[in-house]
Amino acid sequence: MLANDWEASSTWNDFGCRRETISGNFDIHNILVTHQILDPKLGGGTLLDLGHCSLVWAIMALYEGPVNGATNPTITGSILKTPMTGVDCNTSFTLNFSQSNLAAQAVLSCSINIDDLDPDLTIQ
């Protein structure tokens, strides 16, 4: 496993919403640039390696919810690339469900170049 320290927690907030967090350290400056997470030929970068984790939760919670009615969201995003190999090291994307009865938004991000932050992933 690439991450040195993984932590996960689950709590309920004051509004009755569940908050899920996942965090880990990816020591990308001390691994070979040919490692899968850094090699563009192997599909490296945050979006392909980590972005699907938060996207799955957003799809399950918002897109597949009965209030949404299977309406596709509009998606905007931003990517910062690492100068080491050119793969994305920070990626953020927003799913807007403004055309459905749901009227909700998912703001998602993932990173491989920042040390363990609390939290790296929050589902609330």
Protein backbone atom coordinates (compact mmCIF):
# COMPACT_ATOMS: atom_id res chain seq x y z
CA MET A 1 0.00 0.00 0.00
CA LEU A 2 1.33 3.43 -0.91
CA ALA A 3 -0.18 5.41 1.94
CA ASN A 4 1.92 5.20 5.09
CA ASP A 5 -0.80 6.02 7.61
CA TRP A 6 -4.50 5.51 6.90
CA GLU A 7 -7.19 6.66 9.28
CA ALA A 8 -10.94 6.43 9.01
CA SER A 9 -13.72 7.64 11.28
CA SER A 10 -17.46 7.93 11.29
CA THR A 11 -19.59 10.28 13.41
CA TRP A 12 -23.04 11.92 13.44
CA ASN A 13 -23.25 15.73 13.47
CA ASP A 14 -25.79 17.97 15.22
CA PHE A 15 -28.04 17.99 12.13
CA GLY A 16 -28.40 14.21 12.00
CA CYS A 17 -26.02 13.88 9.04
CA ARG A 18 -23.35 11.23 8.92
CA ARG A 19 -19.77 12.43 8.46
CA GLU A 20 -17.25 10.00 6.96
CA THR A 21 -13.57 10.86 6.81
CA ILE A 22 -10.60 9.12 5.22
CA SER A 23 -7.05 10.44 5.37
CA GLY A 24 -3.63 9.11 4.47
CA ASN A 25 -0.06 10.17 3.74
CA PHE A 26 1.26 9.68 0.20
CA ASP A 27 4.98 10.24 0.40
CA ILE A 28 5.28 11.03 -3.34
CA HIS A 29 8.62 12.81 -3.01
CA ASN A 30 10.26 9.62 -1.75
CA ILE A 31 8.98 7.12 -4.32
CA LEU A 32 10.17 6.43 -7.86
CA VAL A 33 8.57 8.48 -10.62
CA THR A 34 7.81 5.16 -12.32
CA HIS A 35 5.45 4.22 -9.47
CA GLN A 36 1.86 3.77 -10.67
CA ILE A 37 0.54 6.83 -8.80
CA LEU A 38 3.09 9.12 -10.53
CA ASP A 39 3.43 7.51 -13.97
CA PRO A 40 1.09 8.97 -16.62
CA LYS A 41 1.55 5.84 -18.78
CA LEU A 42 0.04 3.80 -15.95
CA GLY A 43 -2.88 6.15 -15.32
CA GLY A 44 -1.27 7.91 -12.37
CA GLY A 45 -2.63 10.96 -10.60
CA THR A 46 -5.26 11.76 -8.03
CA LEU A 47 -8.38 11.66 -10.17
CA LEU A 48 -7.92 8.08 -11.35
CA ASP A 49 -6.39 6.79 -8.10
CA LEU A 50 -8.47 8.63 -5.47
CA GLY A 51 -11.18 10.71 -7.12
CA HIS A 52 -13.46 7.76 -7.71
CA CYS A 53 -13.78 7.25 -3.93
CA SER A 54 -15.55 10.55 -3.31
CA LEU A 55 -17.41 10.38 -6.62
CA VAL A 56 -19.00 7.04 -5.71
CA TRP A 57 -20.40 8.54 -2.49
CA ALA A 58 -21.78 11.56 -4.35
CA ILE A 59 -23.44 9.32 -6.94
CA MET A 60 -24.99 7.09 -4.29
CA ALA A 61 -26.16 9.97 -2.10
CA LEU A 62 -27.32 12.44 -4.75
CA TYR A 63 -27.63 11.02 -8.27
CA GLU A 64 -29.28 7.73 -7.32
CA GLY A 65 -31.57 9.34 -4.73
CA PRO A 66 -35.28 9.20 -5.59
CA VAL A 67 -35.70 12.99 -5.37
CA ASN A 68 -33.13 13.51 -8.17
CA GLY A 69 -35.09 11.48 -10.74
CA ALA A 70 -31.89 10.33 -12.56
CA THR A 71 -31.12 13.89 -13.70
CA ASN A 72 -27.48 14.32 -14.73
CA PRO A 73 -25.50 16.98 -12.87
CA THR A 74 -23.42 19.68 -14.47
CA ILE A 75 -19.76 19.16 -13.62
CA THR A 76 -16.95 21.70 -13.26
CA GLY A 77 -13.43 21.01 -12.11
CA SER A 78 -9.86 22.13 -11.68
CA ILE A 79 -6.57 20.20 -11.81
CA LEU A 80 -3.05 21.07 -10.66
CA LYS A 81 -0.27 18.90 -12.08
CA THR A 82 2.94 17.83 -10.38
CA PRO A 83 6.13 19.01 -12.11
CA MET A 84 7.64 15.60 -11.31
CA THR A 85 5.76 13.70 -14.04
CA GLY A 86 2.81 15.88 -15.11
CA VAL A 87 0.08 13.80 -13.46
CA ASP A 88 -2.58 15.62 -11.47
CA CYS A 89 -1.60 16.03 -7.82
CA ASN A 90 -4.60 18.13 -6.70
CA THR A 91 -8.00 17.77 -8.29
CA SER A 92 -11.30 19.32 -7.29
CA PHE A 93 -14.66 18.96 -9.00
CA THR A 94 -18.20 20.05 -8.31
CA LEU A 95 -21.40 18.26 -9.25
CA ASN A 96 -24.40 20.60 -9.42
CA PHE A 97 -27.84 19.03 -9.35
CA SER A 98 -29.64 22.30 -10.10
CA GLN A 99 -31.88 20.96 -12.87
CA SER A 100 -33.59 18.39 -10.65
CA ASN A 101 -35.97 18.59 -7.70
CA LEU A 102 -32.99 17.79 -5.49
CA ALA A 103 -31.22 21.19 -5.84
CA ALA A 104 -28.00 19.90 -4.26
CA GLN A 105 -24.26 20.22 -4.81
CA ALA A 106 -21.32 17.88 -4.18
CA VAL A 107 -17.91 19.55 -3.79
CA LEU A 108 -15.21 16.89 -4.12
CA SER A 109 -11.42 17.00 -3.96
CA CYS A 110 -8.43 14.70 -3.74
CA SER A 111 -4.69 15.21 -3.36
CA ILE A 112 -1.49 13.16 -3.26
CA ASN A 113 1.01 15.89 -2.44
CA ILE A 114 -0.29 17.16 0.90
CA ASP A 115 0.61 15.47 4.17
CA ASP A 116 -2.16 13.95 6.24
CA LEU A 117 -4.85 16.57 6.79
CA ASP A 118 -7.84 16.01 8.96
CA PRO A 119 -9.95 15.17 7.03
CA ASP A 120 -8.89 14.29 3.49
CA LEU A 121 -12.36 13.02 2.63
CA THR A 122 -15.55 14.14 4.36
CA ILE A 123 -18.98 12.84 3.51
CA GLN A 124 -21.63 14.79 5.33
